[in-house]
């Protein structure tokens, strides 16, 4: 694997000038990285829903069709909910973008090698399910192009598999109070312009 990016820097780049972007952050490192880029009422952190980030993002995208939705998840979490790609392709909302932070390891359980460290290509899996805008991101130009996509509504959903280093980064922990996070997010979504 070409390990092109520090994950914290890659997420910060995606969230630069975030405007009214709705963000679903998967458990573990994606949550820490989204919070490090700036805790925001339009961030919805999934603390314990392993494999659920993409589907929560799909539900949000369908409920808010004029608002861009970004899911930030990891390779391990997407592997846990791989079937979600087929459901997303069937619905194909143009406002849904999924950024997969792929370090080819299960970072939250000790760094064991994930399937993407063997032969599994998550971008190819997404394309096979019907998400034609699915790509592996290994250089700054690719990341820049993908970052430009997340703020608009397109014709279809997209998946970007961002190859990142396995290094540990200090955790930035947002609130773990699920009721608070849900209420804060709902209020912010209702208040933000569409």
Protein backbone atom coordinates (compact mmCIF):
# COMPACT_ATOMS: atom_id res chain seq x y z
CA UNK A 1 0.00 0.00 0.00
CA UNK A 2 1.12 3.54 -0.70
CA UNK A 3 0.48 5.23 2.62
CA UNK A 4 0.06 8.76 1.36
CA UNK A 5 -1.70 10.67 4.12
CA UNK A 6 -1.71 11.41 7.80
CA UNK A 7 -5.37 10.74 8.58
CA UNK A 8 -5.82 13.80 10.79
CA UNK A 9 -4.47 16.08 8.03
CA UNK A 10 -6.63 14.36 5.39
CA UNK A 11 -9.81 14.84 7.43
CA UNK A 12 -8.87 18.45 8.20
CA UNK A 13 -8.49 19.02 4.46
CA UNK A 14 -11.92 17.52 3.74
CA UNK A 15 -13.57 19.68 6.41
CA UNK A 16 -11.78 22.90 5.52
CA UNK A 17 -14.44 25.54 4.79
CA UNK A 18 -17.17 23.06 5.76
CA UNK A 19 -20.05 25.59 5.56
CA UNK A 20 -23.32 23.72 6.33
CA UNK A 21 -22.01 20.22 5.55
CA UNK A 22 -23.78 17.48 7.53
CA UNK A 23 -21.22 14.99 8.85
CA UNK A 24 -21.68 11.47 10.19
CA UNK A 25 -18.48 10.27 11.88
CA UNK A 26 -17.95 6.55 12.39
CA UNK A 27 -16.70 5.16 15.64
CA UNK A 28 -13.12 5.48 16.79
CA UNK A 29 -10.55 7.40 14.78
CA UNK A 30 -13.01 9.00 12.33
CA UNK A 31 -14.81 10.59 15.29
CA UNK A 32 -11.54 11.76 16.85
CA UNK A 33 -10.40 13.22 13.53
CA UNK A 34 -13.68 15.01 12.77
CA UNK A 35 -13.70 16.46 16.31
CA UNK A 36 -10.06 17.54 15.93
CA UNK A 37 -11.02 19.46 12.77
CA UNK A 38 -13.56 21.34 14.89
CA UNK A 39 -16.48 20.14 16.96
CA UNK A 40 -19.65 21.44 15.35
CA UNK A 41 -23.40 21.01 15.95
CA UNK A 42 -23.71 19.53 12.43
CA UNK A 43 -21.33 16.68 13.36
CA UNK A 44 -23.09 13.47 14.34
CA UNK A 45 -20.69 11.12 16.12
CA UNK A 46 -21.51 7.39 16.21
CA UNK A 47 -19.80 6.11 19.30
CA UNK A 48 -20.83 2.47 19.22
CA UNK A 49 -22.60 1.67 15.97
CA UNK A 50 -19.90 -0.43 14.29
CA UNK A 51 -20.76 -0.79 10.61
CA UNK A 52 -23.60 1.72 10.75
CA UNK A 53 -22.07 5.03 9.64
CA UNK A 54 -22.76 4.62 5.91
CA UNK A 55 -26.40 3.66 6.52
CA UNK A 56 -26.96 6.52 8.96
CA UNK A 57 -25.50 8.79 6.30
CA UNK A 58 -27.86 7.32 3.70
CA UNK A 59 -30.88 7.96 5.91
CA UNK A 60 -29.75 11.52 6.53
CA UNK A 61 -29.10 12.13 2.82
CA UNK A 62 -32.58 10.86 1.92
CA UNK A 63 -34.20 12.98 4.64
CA UNK A 64 -32.24 16.11 3.62
CA UNK A 65 -31.93 15.81 -0.19
CA UNK A 66 -30.78 19.41 -0.77
CA UNK A 67 -28.02 19.26 1.88
CA UNK A 68 -24.59 17.70 1.29
CA UNK A 69 -23.87 14.78 3.64
CA UNK A 70 -20.39 13.43 4.32
CA UNK A 71 -19.77 10.13 6.08
CA UNK A 72 -16.27 9.77 7.51
CA UNK A 73 -15.63 6.12 8.36
CA UNK A 74 -12.82 3.60 8.51
CA UNK A 75 -12.02 0.54 6.43
CA UNK A 76 -12.86 -1.80 9.32
CA UNK A 77 -16.24 -0.21 9.90
CA UNK A 78 -17.19 -0.24 6.22
CA UNK A 79 -16.09 -3.87 5.98
CA UNK A 80 -18.46 -4.63 8.88
CA UNK A 81 -21.36 -3.10 6.92
CA UNK A 82 -20.25 -3.90 3.37
CA UNK A 83 -23.81 -4.61 2.26
CA UNK A 84 -24.63 -0.95 2.87
CA UNK A 85 -22.89 -0.12 -0.41
CA UNK A 86 -25.54 -2.06 -2.36
CA UNK A 87 -28.37 -0.25 -0.56
CA UNK A 88 -26.70 3.13 -1.10
CA UNK A 89 -26.30 2.34 -4.82
CA UNK A 90 -29.97 1.37 -5.06
CA UNK A 91 -31.04 4.74 -3.59
CA UNK A 92 -28.10 6.70 -5.10
CA UNK A 93 -28.63 10.11 -3.46
CA UNK A 94 -26.46 12.74 -5.13
CA UNK A 95 -25.87 14.51 -1.83
CA UNK A 96 -24.09 11.56 -0.14
CA UNK A 97 -20.32 11.23 -0.10
CA UNK A 98 -18.47 8.57 1.88
CA UNK A 99 -14.83 9.10 2.86
CA UNK A 100 -13.21 5.85 3.98
CA UNK A 101 -10.00 6.27 6.00
CA UNK A 102 -8.16 3.12 4.96
CA UNK A 103 -5.08 2.22 7.00
CA UNK A 104 -5.53 -1.49 6.23
CA UNK A 105 -5.89 -2.21 9.95
CA UNK A 106 -8.49 -2.53 12.68
CA UNK A 107 -7.21 0.41 14.71
CA UNK A 108 -9.70 0.22 17.57
CA UNK A 109 -8.97 -3.42 18.42
CA UNK A 110 -5.18 -3.50 18.32
CA UNK A 111 -4.10 -2.84 14.75
CA UNK A 112 -4.73 -6.27 13.25
CA UNK A 113 -4.49 -6.28 9.46
CA UNK A 114 -7.87 -5.67 7.83
CA UNK A 115 -9.10 -7.23 4.60
CA UNK A 116 -7.98 -4.15 2.66
CA UNK A 117 -4.43 -5.11 3.64
CA UNK A 118 -4.94 -8.30 1.66
CA UNK A 119 -6.97 -8.24 -1.56
CA UNK A 120 -10.16 -6.30 -0.76
CA UNK A 121 -10.55 -3.06 -2.73
CA UNK A 122 -13.39 -1.03 -1.20
CA UNK A 123 -13.60 1.35 -4.17
CA UNK A 124 -13.99 -1.61 -6.54
CA UNK A 125 -16.61 -3.12 -4.21
CA UNK A 126 -18.55 0.16 -4.25
CA UNK A 127 -18.35 0.31 -8.06
CA UNK A 128 -19.51 -3.32 -8.28
CA UNK A 129 -22.52 -2.40 -6.17
CA UNK A 130 -23.35 0.44 -8.57
CA UNK A 131 -21.65 3.53 -7.09
CA UNK A 132 -19.80 4.58 -10.22
CA UNK A 133 -17.95 7.51 -8.59
CA UNK A 134 -15.75 5.37 -6.36
CA UNK A 135 -12.03 5.98 -6.15
CA UNK A 136 -8.88 5.27 -4.22
CA UNK A 137 -7.17 8.47 -3.09
CA UNK A 138 -3.38 8.33 -2.81
CA UNK A 139 -2.12 11.79 -3.71
CA UNK A 140 -2.85 15.43 -2.98
CA UNK A 141 -4.52 16.03 -6.35
CA UNK A 142 -6.96 13.16 -5.73
CA UNK A 143 -7.71 14.44 -2.22
CA UNK A 144 -8.23 18.00 -3.50
CA UNK A 145 -10.64 16.78 -6.18
CA UNK A 146 -12.58 14.66 -3.69
CA UNK A 147 -12.74 17.52 -1.16
CA UNK A 148 -14.25 19.74 -3.84
CA UNK A 149 -17.01 17.21 -4.44
CA UNK A 150 -18.38 16.98 -0.91
CA UNK A 151 -20.00 20.41 -0.76
CA UNK A 152 -22.40 19.99 -3.67
CA UNK A 153 -25.31 17.82 -4.71
CA UNK A 154 -24.39 15.71 -7.75
CA UNK A 155 -26.16 13.12 -9.90
CA UNK A 156 -25.05 10.21 -7.74
CA UNK A 157 -23.39 9.14 -4.51
CA UNK A 158 -19.60 8.86 -4.23
CA UNK A 159 -17.06 6.85 -2.26
CA UNK A 160 -13.46 7.92 -1.73
CA UNK A 161 -11.08 5.43 -0.13
CA UNK A 162 -8.30 7.58 1.32
CA UNK A 163 -5.11 5.60 1.93
CA UNK A 164 -3.68 6.72 5.28
CA UNK A 165 -0.79 5.88 7.58
CA UNK A 166 -1.33 3.55 10.51
CA UNK A 167 0.29 5.88 13.05
CA UNK A 168 -1.45 6.77 16.28
CA UNK A 169 -2.70 10.31 16.82
CA UNK A 170 -3.84 11.85 20.09
CA UNK A 171 -7.55 11.38 20.60
CA UNK A 172 -9.82 14.39 20.52
CA UNK A 173 -12.96 13.29 22.30
CA UNK A 174 -16.25 15.08 21.69
CA UNK A 175 -19.18 14.48 23.99
CA UNK A 176 -20.23 10.86 24.46
CA UNK A 177 -23.70 11.87 25.64
CA UNK A 178 -25.89 10.34 22.93
CA UNK A 179 -29.02 12.29 23.88
CA UNK A 180 -27.09 15.57 23.84
CA UNK A 181 -25.48 14.79 20.45
CA UNK A 182 -28.81 13.77 18.91
CA UNK A 183 -30.63 16.84 20.19
CA UNK A 184 -27.81 19.21 19.23
CA UNK A 185 -27.69 17.74 15.71
CA UNK A 186 -31.45 17.86 15.20
CA UNK A 187 -31.65 21.48 16.32
CA UNK A 188 -28.71 22.47 14.11
CA UNK A 189 -30.16 20.69 11.04
CA UNK A 190 -33.52 22.42 11.57
CA UNK A 191 -31.88 25.83 12.04
CA UNK A 192 -29.35 25.68 9.18
CA UNK A 193 -30.37 27.11 5.80
CA UNK A 194 -31.19 24.56 3.10
